[in-house]
Amino acid sequence: CEVATFVTFQIDGKRHDEWYDTDERPSDEC
């Protein structure tokens, strides 16, 4: 994703599973 307003924000979409608690982790593997 990319959004340019007063600055450009770029998001790579990669999910950081280690950030989630074990019970919160998304179940998909993509």
Full PDB file with SEQRES, HELIX, SHEET, SSBOND, CRYST1, ORIGX, SCALE, CONECT and MASTER records, all heavy atoms in Angstrom:
SEQRES   1 A   30  CYS GLU VAL ALA THR PHE VAL THR PHE GLN ILE ASP GLY          
SEQRES   2 A   30  LYS ARG HIS ASP GLU TRP TYR ASP THR ASP GLU ARG PRO          
SEQRES   3 A   30  SER ASP GLU CYS                                              
HELIX    1 AA1 ASP A   17  TRP A   19  5                                   3    
SHEET    1 AA1 2 GLU A   2  ALA A   4  0                                        
SHEET    2 AA1 2 THR A   8  GLN A  10 -1                                        
CRYST1    1.000    1.000    1.000  90.00  90.00  90.00 P 1           1          
ORIGX1      1.000000  0.000000  0.000000        0.00000                         
ORIGX2      0.000000  1.000000  0.000000        0.00000                         
ORIGX3      0.000000  0.000000  1.000000        0.00000                         
SCALE1      1.000000  0.000000  0.000000        0.00000                         
SCALE2      0.000000  1.000000  0.000000        0.00000                         
SCALE3      0.000000  0.000000  1.000000        0.00000                         
ATOM      1  N   CYS A   1       0.846  -1.187   0.000  1.00  0.00           N  
ATOM      2  CA  CYS A   1       0.000   0.000   0.000  1.00  0.00           C  
ATOM      3  C   CYS A   1       0.884   1.240   0.000  1.00  0.00           C  
ATOM      4  O   CYS A   1       1.972   1.227   0.595  1.00  0.00           O  
ATOM      5  CB  CYS A   1      -0.877  -0.037   1.251  1.00  0.00           C  
ATOM      6  SG  CYS A   1      -1.992   1.342   1.401  1.00  0.00           S  
ATOM      7  N   GLU A   2       0.404   2.283  -0.649  1.00  0.00           N  
ATOM      8  CA  GLU A   2       1.102   3.565  -0.650  1.00  0.00           C  
ATOM      9  C   GLU A   2       0.070   4.677  -0.568  1.00  0.00           C  
ATOM     10  O   GLU A   2      -0.923   4.667  -1.295  1.00  0.00           O  
ATOM     11  CB  GLU A   2       1.926   3.736  -1.932  1.00  0.00           C  
ATOM     12  CG  GLU A   2       2.635   5.056  -2.033  1.00  0.00           C  
ATOM     13  CD  GLU A   2       3.398   5.221  -3.337  1.00  0.00           C  
ATOM     14  OE1 GLU A   2       3.671   4.215  -4.014  1.00  0.00           O  
ATOM     15  OE2 GLU A   2       3.711   6.373  -3.681  1.00  0.00           O  
ATOM     16  N   VAL A   3       0.301   5.621   0.343  1.00  0.00           N  
ATOM     17  CA  VAL A   3      -0.565   6.785   0.492  1.00  0.00           C  
ATOM     18  C   VAL A   3       0.329   8.008   0.572  1.00  0.00           C  
ATOM     19  O   VAL A   3       1.229   8.070   1.413  1.00  0.00           O  
ATOM     20  CB  VAL A   3      -1.440   6.702   1.763  1.00  0.00           C  
ATOM     21  CG1 VAL A   3      -2.309   7.940   1.898  1.00  0.00           C  
ATOM     22  CG2 VAL A   3      -2.299   5.448   1.756  1.00  0.00           C  
ATOM     23  N   ALA A   4       0.082   8.975  -0.313  1.00  0.00           N  
ATOM     24  CA  ALA A   4       0.852  10.222  -0.290  1.00  0.00           C  
ATOM     25  C   ALA A   4      -0.075  11.360   0.106  1.00  0.00           C  
ATOM     26  O   ALA A   4      -1.003  11.699  -0.629  1.00  0.00           O  
ATOM     27  CB  ALA A   4       1.482  10.494  -1.647  1.00  0.00           C  
ATOM     28  N   THR A   5       0.171  11.890   1.283  1.00  0.00           N  
ATOM     29  CA  THR A   5      -0.546  13.084   1.746  1.00  0.00           C  
ATOM     30  C   THR A   5       0.535  14.140   1.999  1.00  0.00           C  
ATOM     31  O   THR A   5       1.213  14.513   1.054  1.00  0.00           O  
ATOM     32  CB  THR A   5      -1.380  12.776   3.013  1.00  0.00           C  
ATOM     33  OG1 THR A   5      -0.526  12.227   4.020  1.00  0.00           O  
ATOM     34  CG2 THR A   5      -2.505  11.801   2.711  1.00  0.00           C  
ATOM     35  N   PHE A   6       0.752  14.551   3.233  1.00  0.00           N  
ATOM     36  CA  PHE A   6       1.828  15.498   3.536  1.00  0.00           C  
ATOM     37  C   PHE A   6       3.192  14.811   3.502  1.00  0.00           C  
ATOM     38  O   PHE A   6       4.232  15.458   3.468  1.00  0.00           O  
ATOM     39  CB  PHE A   6       1.597  16.172   4.895  1.00  0.00           C  
ATOM     40  CG  PHE A   6       1.590  15.208   6.055  1.00  0.00           C  
ATOM     41  CD1 PHE A   6       2.734  14.999   6.798  1.00  0.00           C  
ATOM     42  CD2 PHE A   6       0.432  14.518   6.389  1.00  0.00           C  
ATOM     43  CE1 PHE A   6       2.736  14.113   7.863  1.00  0.00           C  
ATOM     44  CE2 PHE A   6       0.420  13.631   7.458  1.00  0.00           C  
ATOM     45  CZ  PHE A   6       1.575  13.431   8.196  1.00  0.00           C  
ATOM     46  N   VAL A   7       3.177  13.466   3.510  1.00  0.00           N  
ATOM     47  CA  VAL A   7       4.363  12.625   3.396  1.00  0.00           C  
ATOM     48  C   VAL A   7       3.875  11.314   2.779  1.00  0.00           C  
ATOM     49  O   VAL A   7       2.679  11.020   2.784  1.00  0.00           O  
ATOM     50  CB  VAL A   7       5.019  12.411   4.795  1.00  0.00           C  
ATOM     51  CG1 VAL A   7       4.136  11.598   5.702  1.00  0.00           C  
ATOM     52  CG2 VAL A   7       6.402  11.821   4.698  1.00  0.00           C  
ATOM     53  N   THR A   8       4.773  10.524   2.233  1.00  0.00           N  
ATOM     54  CA  THR A   8       4.367   9.250   1.635  1.00  0.00           C  
ATOM     55  C   THR A   8       4.501   8.132   2.664  1.00  0.00           C  
ATOM     56  O   THR A   8       5.555   7.951   3.265  1.00  0.00           O  
ATOM     57  CB  THR A   8       5.227   8.921   0.404  1.00  0.00           C  
ATOM     58  OG1 THR A   8       5.042   9.960  -0.556  1.00  0.00           O  
ATOM     59  CG2 THR A   8       4.818   7.592  -0.211  1.00  0.00           C  
ATOM     60  N   PHE A   9       3.413   7.408   2.842  1.00  0.00           N  
ATOM     61  CA  PHE A   9       3.391   6.246   3.720  1.00  0.00           C  
ATOM     62  C   PHE A   9       3.425   5.008   2.832  1.00  0.00           C  
ATOM     63  O   PHE A   9       2.616   4.895   1.906  1.00  0.00           O  
ATOM     64  CB  PHE A   9       2.108   6.209   4.560  1.00  0.00           C  
ATOM     65  CG  PHE A   9       1.935   7.392   5.463  1.00  0.00           C  
ATOM     66  CD1 PHE A   9       1.250   8.521   5.028  1.00  0.00           C  
ATOM     67  CD2 PHE A   9       2.448   7.376   6.745  1.00  0.00           C  
ATOM     68  CE1 PHE A   9       1.081   9.613   5.856  1.00  0.00           C  
ATOM     69  CE2 PHE A   9       2.287   8.475   7.589  1.00  0.00           C  
ATOM     70  CZ  PHE A   9       1.602   9.593   7.153  1.00  0.00           C  
ATOM     71  N   GLN A  10       4.341   4.092   3.110  1.00  0.00           N  
ATOM     72  CA  GLN A  10       4.403   2.834   2.368  1.00  0.00           C  
ATOM     73  C   GLN A  10       4.291   1.683   3.346  1.00  0.00           C  
ATOM     74  O   GLN A  10       5.014   1.649   4.349  1.00  0.00           O  
ATOM     75  CB  GLN A  10       5.694   2.736   1.559  1.00  0.00           C  
ATOM     76  CG  GLN A  10       5.730   3.753   0.436  1.00  0.00           C  
ATOM     77  CD  GLN A  10       6.966   3.628  -0.417  1.00  0.00           C  
ATOM     78  OE1 GLN A  10       8.042   3.329   0.065  1.00  0.00           O  
ATOM     79  NE2 GLN A  10       6.802   3.877  -1.704  1.00  0.00           N  
ATOM     80  N   ILE A  11       3.393   0.769   3.038  1.00  0.00           N  
ATOM     81  CA  ILE A  11       3.142  -0.385   3.895  1.00  0.00           C  
ATOM     82  C   ILE A  11       3.381  -1.629   3.053  1.00  0.00           C  
ATOM     83  O   ILE A  11       2.830  -1.759   1.962  1.00  0.00           O  
ATOM     84  CB  ILE A  11       1.698  -0.352   4.432  1.00  0.00           C  
ATOM     85  CG1 ILE A  11       1.503   0.925   5.256  1.00  0.00           C  
ATOM     86  CG2 ILE A  11       1.384  -1.603   5.232  1.00  0.00           C  
ATOM     87  CD1 ILE A  11       0.070   1.226   5.601  1.00  0.00           C  
ATOM     88  N   ASP A  12       4.199  -2.540   3.553  1.00  0.00           N  
ATOM     89  CA  ASP A  12       4.529  -3.720   2.754  1.00  0.00           C  
ATOM     90  C   ASP A  12       3.510  -4.855   2.889  1.00  0.00           C  
ATOM     91  O   ASP A  12       3.547  -5.804   2.130  1.00  0.00           O  
ATOM     92  CB  ASP A  12       5.944  -4.222   3.046  1.00  0.00           C  
ATOM     93  CG  ASP A  12       6.119  -4.828   4.423  1.00  0.00           C  
ATOM     94  OD1 ASP A  12       5.136  -4.969   5.172  1.00  0.00           O  
ATOM     95  OD2 ASP A  12       7.263  -5.179   4.756  1.00  0.00           O  
ATOM     96  N   GLY A  13       2.610  -4.789   3.847  1.00  0.00           N  
ATOM     97  CA  GLY A  13       1.573  -5.807   3.982  1.00  0.00           C  
ATOM     98  C   GLY A  13       2.021  -7.061   4.713  1.00  0.00           C  
ATOM     99  O   GLY A  13       1.207  -7.936   4.997  1.00  0.00           O  
ATOM    100  N   LYS A  14       3.298  -7.171   5.006  1.00  0.00           N  
ATOM    101  CA  LYS A  14       3.800  -8.361   5.702  1.00  0.00           C  
ATOM    102  C   LYS A  14       3.364  -8.301   7.159  1.00  0.00           C  
ATOM    103  O   LYS A  14       3.619  -7.344   7.862  1.00  0.00           O  
ATOM    104  CB  LYS A  14       5.324  -8.426   5.626  1.00  0.00           C  
ATOM    105  CG  LYS A  14       5.907  -9.670   6.244  1.00  0.00           C  
ATOM    106  CD  LYS A  14       7.420  -9.662   6.131  1.00  0.00           C  
ATOM    107  CE  LYS A  14       8.065 -10.894   6.669  1.00  0.00           C  
ATOM    108  NZ  LYS A  14       7.676 -11.294   7.987  1.00  0.00           N  
ATOM    109  N   ARG A  15       2.705  -9.356   7.562  1.00  0.00           N  
ATOM    110  CA  ARG A  15       2.201  -9.444   8.935  1.00  0.00           C  
ATOM    111  C   ARG A  15       3.316  -9.970   9.840  1.00  0.00           C  
ATOM    112  O   ARG A  15       3.991 -10.933   9.507  1.00  0.00           O  
ATOM    113  CB  ARG A  15       0.993 -10.376   8.971  1.00  0.00           C  
ATOM    114  CG  ARG A  15       0.297 -10.450  10.302  1.00  0.00           C  
ATOM    115  CD  ARG A  15      -0.884 -11.396  10.269  1.00  0.00           C  
ATOM    116  NE  ARG A  15      -0.406 -12.758  10.039  1.00  0.00           N  
ATOM    117  CZ  ARG A  15      -0.977 -13.598   9.179  1.00  0.00           C  
ATOM    118  NH1 ARG A  15      -2.013 -13.255   8.471  1.00  0.00           N  
ATOM    119  NH2 ARG A  15      -0.493 -14.816   9.038  1.00  0.00           N  
ATOM    120  N   HIS A  16       3.503  -9.340  10.988  1.00  0.00           N  
ATOM    121  CA  HIS A  16       4.500  -9.769  11.965  1.00  0.00           C  
ATOM    122  C   HIS A  16       3.796 -10.608  13.029  1.00  0.00           C  
ATOM    123  O   HIS A  16       3.322 -10.092  14.044  1.00  0.00           O  
ATOM    124  CB  HIS A  16       5.200  -8.562  12.599  1.00  0.00           C  
ATOM    125  CG  HIS A  16       5.970  -7.760  11.611  1.00  0.00           C  
ATOM    126  ND1 HIS A  16       7.225  -8.123  11.164  1.00  0.00           N  
ATOM    127  CD2 HIS A  16       5.657  -6.623  10.944  1.00  0.00           C  
ATOM    128  CE1 HIS A  16       7.652  -7.240  10.288  1.00  0.00           C  
ATOM    129  NE2 HIS A  16       6.715  -6.319  10.127  1.00  0.00           N  
ATOM    130  N   ASP A  17       3.755 -11.911  12.798  1.00  0.00           N  
ATOM    131  CA  ASP A  17       3.028 -12.810  13.694  1.00  0.00           C  
ATOM    132  C   ASP A  17       3.570 -12.787  15.120  1.00  0.00           C  
ATOM    133  O   ASP A  17       2.816 -12.991  16.078  1.00  0.00           O  
ATOM    134  CB  ASP A  17       3.044 -14.240  13.149  1.00  0.00           C  
ATOM    135  CG  ASP A  17       2.156 -14.394  11.930  1.00  0.00           C  
ATOM    136  OD1 ASP A  17       1.225 -13.574  11.756  1.00  0.00           O  
ATOM    137  OD2 ASP A  17       2.383 -15.342  11.155  1.00  0.00           O  
ATOM    138  N   GLU A  18       4.867 -12.530  15.284  1.00  0.00           N  
ATOM    139  CA  GLU A  18       5.451 -12.512  16.628  1.00  0.00           C  
ATOM    140  C   GLU A  18       4.913 -11.363  17.479  1.00  0.00           C  
ATOM    141  O   GLU A  18       5.017 -11.384  18.702  1.00  0.00           O  
ATOM    142  CB  GLU A  18       6.987 -12.474  16.559  1.00  0.00           C  
ATOM    143  CG  GLU A  18       7.573 -11.289  15.846  1.00  0.00           C  
ATOM    144  CD  GLU A  18       7.593 -11.401  14.315  1.00  0.00           C  
ATOM    145  OE1 GLU A  18       7.251 -12.460  13.753  1.00  0.00           O  
ATOM    146  OE2 GLU A  18       7.924 -10.398  13.685  1.00  0.00           O  
ATOM    147  N   TRP A  19       4.329 -10.354  16.851  1.00  0.00           N  
ATOM    148  CA  TRP A  19       3.761  -9.220  17.575  1.00  0.00           C  
ATOM    149  C   TRP A  19       2.497  -9.626  18.332  1.00  0.00           C  
ATOM    150  O   TRP A  19       2.193  -9.093  19.386  1.00  0.00           O  
ATOM    151  CB  TRP A  19       3.454  -8.083  16.587  1.00  0.00           C  
ATOM    152  CG  TRP A  19       2.951  -6.845  17.245  1.00  0.00           C  
ATOM    153  CD1 TRP A  19       3.695  -5.872  17.852  1.00  0.00           C  
ATOM    154  CD2 TRP A  19       1.590  -6.434  17.364  1.00  0.00           C  
ATOM    155  NE1 TRP A  19       2.866  -4.884  18.335  1.00  0.00           N  
ATOM    156  CE2 TRP A  19       1.565  -5.206  18.042  1.00  0.00           C  
ATOM    157  CE3 TRP A  19       0.385  -6.981  16.954  1.00  0.00           C  
ATOM    158  CZ2 TRP A  19       0.395  -4.520  18.331  1.00  0.00           C  
ATOM    159  CZ3 TRP A  19      -0.788  -6.300  17.235  1.00  0.00           C  
ATOM    160  CH2 TRP A  19      -0.774  -5.077  17.919  1.00  0.00           C  
ATOM    161  N   TYR A  20       1.762 -10.587  17.782  1.00  0.00           N  
ATOM    162  CA  TYR A  20       0.497 -11.036  18.375  1.00  0.00           C  
ATOM    163  C   TYR A  20       0.739 -11.978  19.550  1.00  0.00           C  
ATOM    164  O   TYR A  20       1.695 -12.743  19.563  1.00  0.00           O  
ATOM    165  CB  TYR A  20      -0.336 -11.790  17.333  1.00  0.00           C  
ATOM    166  CG  TYR A  20      -0.802 -10.946  16.183  1.00  0.00           C  
ATOM    167  CD1 TYR A  20      -0.087 -10.927  14.984  1.00  0.00           C  
ATOM    168  CD2 TYR A  20      -1.955 -10.187  16.265  1.00  0.00           C  
ATOM    169  CE1 TYR A  20      -0.510 -10.162  13.908  1.00  0.00           C  
ATOM    170  CE2 TYR A  20      -2.384  -9.419  15.198  1.00  0.00           C  
ATOM    171  CZ  TYR A  20      -1.663  -9.405  14.028  1.00  0.00           C  
ATOM    172  OH  TYR A  20      -2.077  -8.652  12.965  1.00  0.00           O  
ATOM    173  N   ASP A  21      -0.164 -11.921  20.519  1.00  0.00           N  
ATOM    174  CA  ASP A  21      -0.188 -12.960  21.546  1.00  0.00           C  
ATOM    175  C   ASP A  21      -0.606 -14.251  20.867  1.00  0.00           C  
ATOM    176  O   ASP A  21      -1.280 -14.237  19.829  1.00  0.00           O  
ATOM    177  CB  ASP A  21      -1.199 -12.612  22.647  1.00  0.00           C  
ATOM    178  CG  ASP A  21      -0.744 -11.401  23.475  1.00  0.00           C  
ATOM    179  OD1 ASP A  21       0.475 -11.176  23.572  1.00  0.00           O  
ATOM    180  OD2 ASP A  21      -1.630 -10.703  24.010  1.00  0.00           O  
ATOM    181  N   THR A  22      -0.247 -15.378  21.450  1.00  0.00           N  
ATOM    182  CA  THR A  22      -0.531 -16.680  20.837  1.00  0.00           C  
ATOM    183  C   THR A  22      -2.006 -16.850  20.492  1.00  0.00           C  
ATOM    184  O   THR A  22      -2.341 -17.314  19.409  1.00  0.00           O  
ATOM    185  CB  THR A  22      -0.081 -17.817  21.780  1.00  0.00           C  
ATOM    186  OG1 THR A  22       1.293 -17.614  22.091  1.00  0.00           O  
ATOM    187  CG2 THR A  22      -0.252 -19.172  21.120  1.00  0.00           C  
ATOM    188  N   ASP A  23      -2.892 -16.439  21.378  1.00  0.00           N  
ATOM    189  CA  ASP A  23      -4.326 -16.610  21.136  1.00  0.00           C  
ATOM    190  C   ASP A  23      -4.892 -15.611  20.128  1.00  0.00           C  
ATOM    191  O   ASP A  23      -6.004 -15.763  19.644  1.00  0.00           O  
ATOM    192  CB  ASP A  23      -5.112 -16.541  22.444  1.00  0.00           C  
ATOM    193  CG  ASP A  23      -4.949 -15.207  23.155  1.00  0.00           C  
ATOM    194  OD1 ASP A  23      -3.884 -14.568  23.006  1.00  0.00           O  
ATOM    195  OD2 ASP A  23      -5.892 -14.801  23.878  1.00  0.00           O  
ATOM    196  N   GLU A  24      -4.140 -14.569  19.775  1.00  0.00           N  
ATOM    197  CA  GLU A  24      -4.583 -13.559  18.816  1.00  0.00           C  
ATOM    198  C   GLU A  24      -4.109 -13.832  17.394  1.00  0.00           C  
ATOM    199  O   GLU A  24      -4.604 -13.221  16.455  1.00  0.00           O  
ATOM    200  CB  GLU A  24      -4.025 -12.176  19.182  1.00  0.00           C  
ATOM    201  CG  GLU A  24      -4.483 -11.586  20.468  1.00  0.00           C  
ATOM    202  CD  GLU A  24      -3.787 -10.257  20.724  1.00  0.00           C  
ATOM    203  OE1 GLU A  24      -2.555 -10.159  20.547  1.00  0.00           O  
ATOM    204  OE2 GLU A  24      -4.500  -9.316  21.086  1.00  0.00           O  
ATOM    205  N   ARG A  25      -3.111 -14.691  17.246  1.00  0.00           N  
ATOM    206  CA  ARG A  25      -2.485 -14.894  15.939  1.00  0.00           C  
ATOM    207  C   ARG A  25      -3.487 -15.327  14.886  1.00  0.00           C  
ATOM    208  O   ARG A  25      -4.278 -16.234  15.108  1.00  0.00           O  
ATOM    209  CB  ARG A  25      -1.405 -15.964  16.035  1.00  0.00           C  
ATOM    210  CG  ARG A  25      -0.088 -15.353  16.264  1.00  0.00           C  
ATOM    211  CD  ARG A  25       1.065 -16.263  16.128  1.00  0.00           C  
ATOM    212  NE  ARG A  25       2.111 -15.601  16.884  1.00  0.00           N  
ATOM    213  CZ  ARG A  25       2.921 -16.183  17.720  1.00  0.00           C  
ATOM    214  NH1 ARG A  25       2.879 -17.470  17.897  1.00  0.00           N  
ATOM    215  NH2 ARG A  25       3.802 -15.484  18.371  1.00  0.00           N  
ATOM    216  N   PRO A  26      -3.434 -14.683  13.723  1.00  0.00           N  
ATOM    217  CA  PRO A  26      -4.301 -15.111  12.613  1.00  0.00           C  
ATOM    218  C   PRO A  26      -3.975 -16.543  12.210  1.00  0.00           C  
ATOM    219  O   PRO A  26      -2.818 -16.979  12.284  1.00  0.00           O  
ATOM    220  CB  PRO A  26      -3.954 -14.139  11.491  1.00  0.00           C  
ATOM    221  CG  PRO A  26      -3.367 -12.947  12.186  1.00  0.00           C  
ATOM    222  CD  PRO A  26      -2.670 -13.493  13.389  1.00  0.00           C  
ATOM    223  N   SER A  27      -4.989 -17.251  11.779  1.00  0.00           N  
ATOM    224  CA  SER A  27      -4.808 -18.676  11.469  1.00  0.00           C  
ATOM    225  C   SER A  27      -4.308 -18.930  10.045  1.00  0.00           C  
ATOM    226  O   SER A  27      -3.805 -19.999   9.755  1.00  0.00           O  
ATOM    227  CB  SER A  27      -6.118 -19.435  11.699  1.00  0.00           C  
ATOM    228  OG  SER A  27      -7.133 -18.887  10.881  1.00  0.00           O  
ATOM    229  N   ASP A  28      -4.449 -17.953   9.146  1.00  0.00           N  
ATOM    230  CA  ASP A  28      -3.981 -18.195   7.781  1.00  0.00           C  
ATOM    231  C   ASP A  28      -2.462 -18.154   7.724  1.00  0.00           C  
ATOM    232  O   ASP A  28      -1.805 -17.573   8.576  1.00  0.00           O  
ATOM    233  CB  ASP A  28      -4.599 -17.211   6.780  1.00  0.00           C  
ATOM    234  CG  ASP A  28      -4.168 -15.781   7.020  1.00  0.00           C  
ATOM    235  OD1 ASP A  28      -2.957 -15.512   6.978  1.00  0.00           O  
ATOM    236  OD2 ASP A  28      -5.037 -14.920   7.240  1.00  0.00           O  
ATOM    237  N   GLU A  29      -1.915 -18.771   6.717  1.00  0.00           N  
ATOM    238  CA  GLU A  29      -0.462 -18.909   6.626  1.00  0.00           C  
ATOM    239  C   GLU A  29       0.176 -18.059   5.533  1.00  0.00           C  
ATOM    240  O   GLU A  29       1.352 -18.211   5.246  1.00  0.00           O  
ATOM    241  CB  GLU A  29      -0.103 -20.383   6.406  1.00  0.00           C  
ATOM    242  CG  GLU A  29      -0.509 -21.257   7.572  1.00  0.00           C  
ATOM    243  CD  GLU A  29      -0.163 -22.719   7.354  1.00  0.00           C  
ATOM    244  OE1 GLU A  29       0.596 -23.018   6.412  1.00  0.00           O  
ATOM    245  OE2 GLU A  29      -0.656 -23.534   8.125  1.00  0.00           O  
ATOM    246  N   CYS A  30      -0.574 -17.164   4.930  1.00  0.00           N  
ATOM    247  CA  CYS A  30      -0.012 -16.393   3.816  1.00  0.00           C  
ATOM    248  C   CYS A  30       0.974 -15.331   4.284  1.00  0.00           C  
ATOM    249  O   CYS A  30       1.803 -14.867   3.518  1.00  0.00           O  
ATOM    250  CB  CYS A  30      -1.117 -15.785   2.975  1.00  0.00           C  
ATOM    251  SG  CYS A  30      -1.877 -14.350   3.734  1.00  0.00           S  
TER     252      CYS A  30                                                      
MASTER        0    0    0    1    2    0    0    6  251    1    0    3          
END                                                                             
